[in-house]
C-alpha atoms as a PDB file:
ATOM      1  CA  MET A   1     -75.032 165.551   0.947  1.00  0.00           C
ATOM      2  CA  ALA A   2     -77.897 163.074   0.459  1.00  0.00           C
ATOM      3  CA  PRO A   3     -77.122 159.468   1.294  1.00  0.00           C
ATOM      4  CA  THR A   4     -76.553 157.157  -1.592  1.00  0.00           C
ATOM      5  CA  PRO A   5     -78.986 154.257  -2.178  1.00  0.00           C
ATOM      6  CA  SER A   6     -76.458 151.834  -0.722  1.00  0.00           C
ATOM      7  CA  HIS A   7     -76.374 153.843   2.518  1.00  0.00           C
ATOM      8  CA  ARG A   8     -80.191 153.776   2.734  1.00  0.00           C
ATOM      9  CA  SER A   9     -80.245 150.029   2.080  1.00  0.00           C
ATOM     10  CA  ASP A  10     -77.795 149.330   4.966  1.00  0.00           C
ATOM     11  CA  ASP A  11     -79.753 151.542   7.335  1.00  0.00           C
ATOM     12  CA  MET A  12     -83.033 149.758   6.548  1.00  0.00           C
ATOM     13  CA  SER A  13     -81.451 146.345   7.057  1.00  0.00           C
ATOM     14  CA  PHE A  14     -80.186 147.379  10.489  1.00  0.00           C
ATOM     15  CA  HIS A  15     -83.632 148.542  11.632  1.00  0.00           C
ATOM     16  CA  THR A  16     -85.321 145.444  10.212  1.00  0.00           C
ATOM     17  CA  LEU A  17     -82.947 143.188  12.142  1.00  0.00           C
ATOM     18  CA  SER A  18     -83.390 145.205  15.351  1.00  0.00           C
ATOM     19  CA  LEU A  19     -87.163 144.836  15.175  1.00  0.00           C
ATOM     20  CA  ALA A  20     -86.944 141.128  14.432  1.00  0.00           C
ATOM     21  CA  LEU A  21     -84.757 140.248  17.426  1.00  0.00           C
ATOM     22  CA  PRO A  22     -87.416 140.840  20.132  1.00  0.00           C
ATOM     23  CA  ALA A  23     -89.876 138.747  18.141  1.00  0.00           C
ATOM     24  CA  LEU A  24     -87.379 135.905  17.979  1.00  0.00           C
ATOM     25  CA  VAL A  25     -86.755 136.098  21.715  1.00  0.00           C
ATOM     26  CA  LEU A  26     -90.468 136.196  22.534  1.00  0.00           C
ATOM     27  CA  THR A  27     -91.142 133.279  20.230  1.00  0.00           C
ATOM     28  CA  ALA A  28     -88.479 131.139  21.901  1.00  0.00           C
ATOM     29  CA  LEU A  29     -89.267 132.151  25.495  1.00  0.00           C
ATOM     30  CA  PRO A  30     -92.482 130.137  26.039  1.00  0.00           C
ATOM     31  CA  CYS A  31     -90.713 126.933  25.003  1.00  0.00           C
ATOM     32  CA  THR A  32     -87.920 127.650  27.462  1.00  0.00           C
ATOM     33  CA  LEU A  33     -90.369 128.250  30.313  1.00  0.00           C
ATOM     34  CA  GLN A  34     -92.322 125.142  29.449  1.00  0.00           C
ATOM     35  CA  GLN A  35     -89.150 123.074  29.543  1.00  0.00           C
ATOM     36  CA  ALA A  36     -88.298 124.551  32.954  1.00  0.00           C
ATOM     37  CA  ARG A  37     -91.712 123.516  34.287  1.00  0.00           C
ATOM     38  CA  SER A  38     -91.527 119.955  32.981  1.00  0.00           C
ATOM     39  CA  PHE A  39     -90.103 118.018  35.924  1.00  0.00           C
ATOM     40  CA  PRO A  40     -90.503 114.235  36.064  1.00  0.00           C
ATOM     41  CA  ALA A  41     -92.970 112.931  38.667  1.00  0.00           C
ATOM     42  CA  HIS A  42     -91.700 110.607  41.392  1.00  0.00           C
ATOM     43  CA  THR A  43     -93.566 108.123  43.575  1.00  0.00           C
ATOM     44  CA  VAL A  44     -92.600 107.056  47.083  1.00  0.00           C
ATOM     45  CA  ILE A  45     -94.242 104.471  49.376  1.00  0.00           C
ATOM     46  CA  LEU A  46     -93.980 105.027  53.135  1.00  0.00           C
ATOM     47  CA  HIS A  47     -94.860 102.924  56.166  1.00  0.00           C
ATOM     48  CA  PRO A  48     -95.874 104.498  59.492  1.00  0.00           C
ATOM     49  CA  VAL A  49     -93.304 105.642  62.008  1.00  0.00           C
ATOM     50  CA  LYS A  50     -95.924 104.926  64.676  1.00  0.00           C
ATOM     51  CA  ASP A  51     -99.558 103.938  65.133  1.00  0.00           C
ATOM     52  CA  ASN A  52    -101.846 103.172  68.044  1.00  0.00           C
ATOM     53  CA  THR A  53    -105.491 102.855  69.081  1.00  0.00           C
ATOM     54  CA  LEU A  54    -107.396 105.194  71.393  1.00  0.00           C
ATOM     55  CA  TYR A  55    -109.682 102.975  73.488  1.00  0.00           C
ATOM     56  CA  GLN A  56    -112.593 104.927  74.996  1.00  0.00           C
ATOM     57  CA  ASP A  57    -111.827 105.012  78.708  1.00  0.00           C
ATOM     58  CA  SER A  58    -112.199 107.978  81.065  1.00  0.00           C
ATOM     59  CA  LEU A  59    -109.006 107.036  82.936  1.00  0.00           C
ATOM     60  CA  GLY A  60    -106.779 106.531  79.921  1.00  0.00           C
ATOM     61  CA  SER A  61    -105.764 103.126  81.225  1.00  0.00           C
ATOM     62  CA  LEU A  62    -105.912 101.325  77.865  1.00  0.00           C
ATOM     63  CA  SER A  63    -103.697 101.432  74.778  1.00  0.00           C
ATOM     64  CA  ASN A  64    -101.999  99.133  72.245  1.00  0.00           C
ATOM     65  CA  GLY A  65     -98.790 100.789  71.106  1.00  0.00           C
ATOM     66  CA  ALA A  66     -96.976  97.561  70.194  1.00  0.00           C
ATOM     67  CA  GLY A  67    -100.031  95.637  68.998  1.00  0.00           C
ATOM     68  CA  ASN A  68    -100.472  94.052  65.588  1.00  0.00           C
ATOM     69  CA  HIS A  69    -103.762  95.845  64.920  1.00  0.00           C
ATOM     70  CA  VAL A  70    -105.491  99.221  65.122  1.00  0.00           C
ATOM     71  CA  PHE A  71    -109.243  99.802  65.369  1.00  0.00           C
ATOM     72  CA  ALA A  72    -111.830 102.339  64.205  1.00  0.00           C
ATOM     73  CA  GLY A  73    -115.523 102.391  65.101  1.00  0.00           C
ATOM     74  CA  ALA A  74    -117.686 101.140  67.979  1.00  0.00           C
ATOM     75  CA  ILE A  75    -117.482  97.675  69.539  1.00  0.00           C
ATOM     76  CA  LEU A  76    -120.593  95.674  70.496  1.00  0.00           C
ATOM     77  CA  THR A  77    -120.839  97.367  73.909  1.00  0.00           C
ATOM     78  CA  GLY A  78    -120.867 100.749  72.182  1.00  0.00           C
ATOM     79  CA  GLN A  79    -117.417 101.844  73.369  1.00  0.00           C
ATOM     80  CA  LEU A  80    -115.408 103.679  70.743  1.00  0.00           C
ATOM     81  CA  ARG A  81    -112.096 102.919  69.113  1.00  0.00           C
ATOM     82  CA  ARG A  82    -110.045 105.415  67.079  1.00  0.00           C
ATOM     83  CA  ALA A  83    -106.771 104.697  65.293  1.00  0.00           C
ATOM     84  CA  VAL A  84    -103.897 107.180  65.166  1.00  0.00           C
ATOM     85  CA  ILE A  85    -101.227 106.883  62.498  1.00  0.00           C
ATOM     86  CA  GLU A  86     -98.266 109.018  61.451  1.00  0.00           C
ATOM     87  CA  PHE A  87     -95.832 108.969  58.517  1.00  0.00           C
ATOM     88  CA  ASP A  88     -92.506 110.801  58.437  1.00  0.00           C
ATOM     89  CA  LEU A  89     -92.023 112.862  55.271  1.00  0.00           C
ATOM     90  CA  THR A  90     -88.597 114.178  56.275  1.00  0.00           C
ATOM     91  CA  GLY A  91     -86.007 112.865  53.855  1.00  0.00           C
ATOM     92  CA  ALA A  92     -88.592 110.969  51.833  1.00  0.00           C
ATOM     93  CA  LEU A  93     -89.571 114.007  49.765  1.00  0.00           C
ATOM     94  CA  PRO A  94     -87.337 116.950  48.843  1.00  0.00           C
ATOM     95  CA  PRO A  95     -88.134 120.362  50.377  1.00  0.00           C
ATOM     96  CA  GLY A  96     -90.357 122.411  48.105  1.00  0.00           C
ATOM     97  CA  ALA A  97     -91.834 119.392  46.317  1.00  0.00           C
ATOM     98  CA  ARG A  98     -95.390 119.640  45.019  1.00  0.00           C
ATOM     99  CA  ILE A  99     -97.794 116.831  45.929  1.00  0.00           C
ATOM    100  CA  LEU A 100     -99.550 115.470  42.825  1.00  0.00           C
ATOM    101  CA  SER A 101    -101.498 112.590  44.399  1.00  0.00           C
ATOM    102  CA  ALA A 102    -101.773 110.729  47.701  1.00  0.00           C
ATOM    103  CA  LYS A 103    -103.213 107.376  48.702  1.00  0.00           C
ATOM    104  CA  LEU A 104    -103.501 105.871  52.202  1.00  0.00           C
ATOM    105  CA  THR A 105    -103.949 102.099  52.271  1.00  0.00           C
ATOM    106  CA  LEU A 106    -105.124 100.110  55.308  1.00  0.00           C
ATOM    107  CA  MET A 107    -105.512  96.342  55.301  1.00  0.00           C
ATOM    108  CA  LEU A 108    -108.667  95.011  56.968  1.00  0.00           C
ATOM    109  CA  THR A 109    -107.969  92.101  59.326  1.00  0.00           C
ATOM    110  CA  LYS A 110    -111.392  91.660  60.944  1.00  0.00           C
ATOM    111  CA  THR A 111    -114.975  92.911  60.742  1.00  0.00           C
ATOM    112  CA  ILE A 112    -118.374  91.779  62.039  1.00  0.00           C
ATOM    113  CA  SER A 113    -120.401  94.469  60.265  1.00  0.00           C
ATOM    114  CA  GLY A 114    -121.331  95.413  56.732  1.00  0.00           C
ATOM    115  CA  PRO A 115    -120.003  98.426  54.857  1.00  0.00           C
ATOM    116  CA  GLN A 116    -119.371 101.418  57.120  1.00  0.00           C
ATOM    117  CA  ASN A 117    -117.902 104.835  56.357  1.00  0.00           C
ATOM    118  CA  VAL A 118    -114.458 105.323  57.871  1.00  0.00           C
ATOM    119  CA  SER A 119    -112.965 108.826  57.810  1.00  0.00           C
ATOM    120  CA  VAL A 120    -109.436 110.155  58.083  1.00  0.00           C
ATOM    121  CA  HIS A 121    -108.904 113.421  59.994  1.00  0.00           C
ATOM    122  CA  ARG A 122    -105.788 115.561  60.373  1.00  0.00           C
ATOM    123  CA  LEU A 123    -104.503 115.479  63.962  1.00  0.00           C
ATOM    124  CA  LEU A 124    -103.579 118.717  65.728  1.00  0.00           C
ATOM    125  CA  SER A 125    -101.471 117.395  68.622  1.00  0.00           C
ATOM    126  CA  GLU A 126     -98.447 115.107  68.814  1.00  0.00           C
ATOM    127  CA  TRP A 127     -98.950 111.707  70.480  1.00  0.00           C
ATOM    128  CA  GLY A 128     -97.012 108.605  71.439  1.00  0.00           C
ATOM    129  CA  GLU A 129     -96.608 104.887  70.950  1.00  0.00           C
ATOM    130  CA  GLY A 130     -95.554 102.939  74.031  1.00  0.00           C
ATOM    131  CA  THR A 131     -94.894  99.252  74.623  1.00  0.00           C
ATOM    132  CA  SER A 132     -98.442  98.167  75.507  1.00  0.00           C
ATOM    133  CA  HIS A 133     -99.508  95.053  73.599  1.00  0.00           C
ATOM    134  CA  ALA A 134    -103.051  93.715  73.813  1.00  0.00           C
ATOM    135  CA  VAL A 135    -103.598  89.961  73.772  1.00  0.00           C
ATOM    136  CA  GLY A 136    -105.980  87.882  71.680  1.00  0.00           C
ATOM    137  CA  GLU A 137    -108.068  89.861  69.206  1.00  0.00           C
ATOM    138  CA  GLU A 138    -106.696  93.081  70.781  1.00  0.00           C
ATOM    139  CA  GLY A 139    -110.131  94.713  70.865  1.00  0.00           C
ATOM    140  CA  THR A 140    -110.075  95.362  74.606  1.00  0.00           C
ATOM    141  CA  GLY A 141    -106.593  96.890  74.657  1.00  0.00           C
ATOM    142  CA  ALA A 142    -103.803  96.502  77.212  1.00  0.00           C
ATOM    143  CA  SER A 143    -102.628  98.511  80.212  1.00  0.00           C
ATOM    144  CA  SER A 144    -101.142 101.799  79.055  1.00  0.00           C
ATOM    145  CA  THR A 145     -97.386 102.175  79.320  1.00  0.00           C
ATOM    146  CA  THR A 146     -95.185 105.267  79.457  1.00  0.00           C
ATOM    147  CA  GLY A 147     -95.532 107.361  76.323  1.00  0.00           C
ATOM    148  CA  ASP A 148     -98.694 105.682  75.031  1.00  0.00           C
ATOM    149  CA  ALA A 149    -101.492 107.617  73.401  1.00  0.00           C
ATOM    150  CA  THR A 150    -104.806 106.897  75.160  1.00  0.00           C
ATOM    151  CA  TRP A 151    -108.348 108.254  75.033  1.00  0.00           C
ATOM    152  CA  ILE A 152    -107.311 111.138  77.289  1.00  0.00           C
ATOM    153  CA  HIS A 153    -103.508 111.171  76.970  1.00  0.00           C
ATOM    154  CA  THR A 154    -101.235 112.255  74.166  1.00  0.00           C
ATOM    155  CA  PHE A 155     -98.382 110.686  76.154  1.00  0.00           C
ATOM    156  CA  PHE A 156     -99.334 108.494  79.115  1.00  0.00           C
ATOM    157  CA  SER A 157     -99.439 109.446  81.902  1.00  0.00           C
ATOM    158  CA  SER A 158     -98.634 113.155  82.134  1.00  0.00           C
ATOM    159  CA  GLN A 159     -99.656 114.809  78.827  1.00  0.00           C
ATOM    160  CA  PHE A 160    -103.232 115.148  77.651  1.00  0.00           C
ATOM    161  CA  TRP A 161    -105.416 115.829  74.641  1.00  0.00           C
ATOM    162  CA  LEU A 162    -107.341 119.091  74.870  1.00  0.00           C
ATOM    163  CA  THR A 163    -110.425 116.992  74.085  1.00  0.00           C
ATOM    164  CA  PRO A 164    -110.779 113.322  75.099  1.00  0.00           C
ATOM    165  CA  GLY A 165    -110.644 111.135  72.021  1.00  0.00           C
ATOM    166  CA  GLY A 166    -108.039 113.270  70.259  1.00  0.00           C
ATOM    167  CA  ASP A 167    -107.518 116.781  68.917  1.00  0.00           C
ATOM    168  CA  PHE A 168    -108.331 116.784  65.209  1.00  0.00           C
ATOM    169  CA  VAL A 169    -109.859 118.731  62.347  1.00  0.00           C
ATOM    170  CA  SER A 170    -113.577 117.927  62.299  1.00  0.00           C
ATOM    171  CA  THR A 171    -113.820 117.950  58.500  1.00  0.00           C
ATOM    172  CA  PRO A 172    -112.532 114.623  57.120  1.00  0.00           C
ATOM    173  CA  SER A 173    -109.539 114.689  54.821  1.00  0.00           C
ATOM    174  CA  ALA A 174    -110.958 111.582  53.129  1.00  0.00           C
ATOM    175  CA  THR A 175    -113.799 109.086  53.642  1.00  0.00           C
ATOM    176  CA  HIS A 176    -114.044 105.507  52.398  1.00  0.00           C
ATOM    177  CA  SER A 177    -116.690 102.808  52.820  1.00  0.00           C
ATOM    178  CA  VAL A 178    -115.106  99.742  54.431  1.00  0.00           C
ATOM    179  CA  GLY A 179    -116.908  96.434  53.978  1.00  0.00           C
ATOM    180  CA  SER A 180    -115.183  93.056  53.958  1.00  0.00           C
ATOM    181  CA  THR A 181    -112.556  93.743  51.288  1.00  0.00           C
ATOM    182  CA  VAL A 182    -109.052  93.432  52.691  1.00  0.00           C
ATOM    183  CA  THR A 183    -107.410  96.321  50.837  1.00  0.00           C
ATOM    184  CA  ASN A 184    -108.948  99.723  51.575  1.00  0.00           C
ATOM    185  CA  THR A 185    -107.793 103.024  50.129  1.00  0.00           C
ATOM    186  CA  TRP A 186    -108.377 106.668  51.020  1.00  0.00           C
ATOM    187  CA  ALA A 187    -107.396 109.305  48.460  1.00  0.00           C
ATOM    188  CA  GLY A 188    -108.184 112.787  47.208  1.00  0.00           C
ATOM    189  CA  THR A 189    -107.361 116.451  47.522  1.00  0.00           C
ATOM    190  CA  GLY A 190    -107.823 116.479  51.309  1.00  0.00           C
ATOM    191  CA  LEU A 191    -104.963 114.053  51.869  1.00  0.00           C
ATOM    192  CA  MET A 192    -102.861 115.953  49.336  1.00  0.00           C
ATOM    193  CA  ALA A 193    -103.482 119.221  51.190  1.00  0.00           C
ATOM    194  CA  ASP A 194    -102.504 117.638  54.527  1.00  0.00           C
ATOM    195  CA  LEU A 195     -99.276 116.268  53.081  1.00  0.00           C
ATOM    196  CA  GLN A 196     -98.393 119.562  51.391  1.00  0.00           C
ATOM    197  CA  THR A 197     -98.918 121.348  54.716  1.00  0.00           C
ATOM    198  CA  TRP A 198     -96.721 118.857  56.557  1.00  0.00           C
ATOM    199  CA  LEU A 199     -94.035 118.990  53.901  1.00  0.00           C
ATOM    200  CA  ASN A 200     -93.926 122.795  54.011  1.00  0.00           C
ATOM    201  CA  ASN A 201     -94.181 122.893  57.824  1.00  0.00           C
ATOM    202  CA  PRO A 202     -92.824 119.622  59.286  1.00  0.00           C
ATOM    203  CA  THR A 203     -93.613 120.595  62.899  1.00  0.00           C
ATOM    204  CA  THR A 204     -97.341 120.428  62.080  1.00  0.00           C
ATOM    205  CA  ASN A 205     -97.179 116.758  61.063  1.00  0.00           C
ATOM    206  CA  HIS A 206     -99.032 114.813  63.761  1.00  0.00           C
ATOM    207  CA  GLY A 207    -100.564 112.278  61.420  1.00  0.00           C
ATOM    208  CA  TRP A 208    -104.173 111.218  61.013  1.00  0.00           C
ATOM    209  CA  LEU A 209    -107.002 110.006  63.235  1.00  0.00           C
ATOM    210  CA  VAL A 210    -109.078 107.193  61.724  1.00  0.00           C
ATOM    211  CA  VAL A 211    -112.726 107.381  62.800  1.00  0.00           C
ATOM    212  CA  GLY A 212    -115.337 104.706  62.077  1.00  0.00           C
ATOM    213  CA  ALA A 213    -119.139 104.617  62.255  1.00  0.00           C
ATOM    214  CA  GLU A 214    -119.280 105.466  65.934  1.00  0.00           C
ATOM    215  CA  ALA A 215    -123.073 105.642  66.156  1.00  0.00           C
ATOM    216  CA  VAL A 216    -123.374 101.961  65.174  1.00  0.00           C
ATOM    217  CA  ALA A 217    -122.552  99.367  67.858  1.00  0.00           C
ATOM    218  CA  GLY A 218    -120.453  96.562  66.420  1.00  0.00           C
ATOM    219  CA  SER A 219    -119.224  98.695  63.525  1.00  0.00           C
ATOM    220  CA  ALA A 220    -115.561  98.610  64.563  1.00  0.00           C
ATOM    221  CA  LYS A 221    -113.115  97.682  61.819  1.00  0.00           C
ATOM    222  CA  ARG A 222    -109.714  96.163  62.612  1.00  0.00           C
ATOM    223  CA  PHE A 223    -106.700  96.943  60.431  1.00  0.00           C
ATOM    224  CA  GLY A 224    -103.110  95.764  60.377  1.00  0.00           C
ATOM    225  CA  SER A 225    -100.579  97.976  62.194  1.00  0.00           C
ATOM    226  CA  SER A 226     -96.925  98.790  61.562  1.00  0.00           C
ATOM    227  CA  GLU A 227     -95.964  96.034  64.025  1.00  0.00           C
ATOM    228  CA  GLY A 228     -97.776  93.329  62.063  1.00  0.00           C
ATOM    229  CA  PRO A 229     -96.730  91.386  58.935  1.00  0.00           C
ATOM    230  CA  LEU A 230     -95.393  93.632  56.162  1.00  0.00           C
ATOM    231  CA  THR A 231     -98.225  92.634  53.797  1.00  0.00           C
ATOM    232  CA  LEU A 232    -100.787  93.960  56.303  1.00  0.00           C
ATOM    233  CA  GLN A 233     -99.016  97.148  57.328  1.00  0.00           C
ATOM    234  CA  PRO A 234    -100.466 100.564  56.478  1.00  0.00           C
ATOM    235  CA  LYS A 235     -98.789 102.388  53.622  1.00  0.00           C
ATOM    236  CA  LEU A 236     -98.864 105.837  52.139  1.00  0.00           C
ATOM    237  CA  THR A 237     -98.257 106.246  48.407  1.00  0.00           C
ATOM    238  CA  ILE A 238     -97.264 109.759  47.331  1.00  0.00           C
ATOM    239  CA  THR A 239     -96.610 111.034  43.823  1.00  0.00           C
ATOM    240  CA  TYR A 240     -94.822 114.359  43.738  1.00  0.00           C
ATOM    241  CA  GLU A 241     -92.989 116.800  41.497  1.00  0.00           C
ATOM    242  CA  PRO A 242     -89.610 118.148  42.692  1.00  0.00           C
END
């Protein structure tokens, strides 16, 4: 028996609704995914867990673990100074966070030269901060103490860099021209990449090496350390997405 018109009408309505449902789901889905991706950004400011200066010295007898300053560049005699600095990300950022921006700030406390490029390089070996404390302007360093990083030591006096002067990535993570302005900032994708690597693999976080214009005698720049006044301490500003 042929279906009545009412039967045909019900059947058509059922198929029309069935075809419409996937379209409704697909239309709503992009909005749902977009909402899931929209996390609020957070910003955290960190101070170093340690910093030090590597004073060029073939014996590794000089350091400044507890000093108020760190140095980068060459002093008037041509001897080199390199700062080492490390920040602890553990607990400051949640696991799996995505770095959106990064800014390293160092406060200049003394200079006798004009603008010089100062670069930040990712360190490849862990190093230490002892109790050595240079006197006066701190440019000549103090006698190394147990656990200090030196030109040849990662930890004075029994552990060593593979290369004197520090083990680091040769390509700078960031470069900034330092003149006489007190506040100096390094930023960019290189720093972000370093931080993302350290966040994903905390055991690789050995901090940064700060290298000045080493070919220019008298180019050394002096910056405040984590042992100095809070207003002159290094800081790392990170914006991230959970």
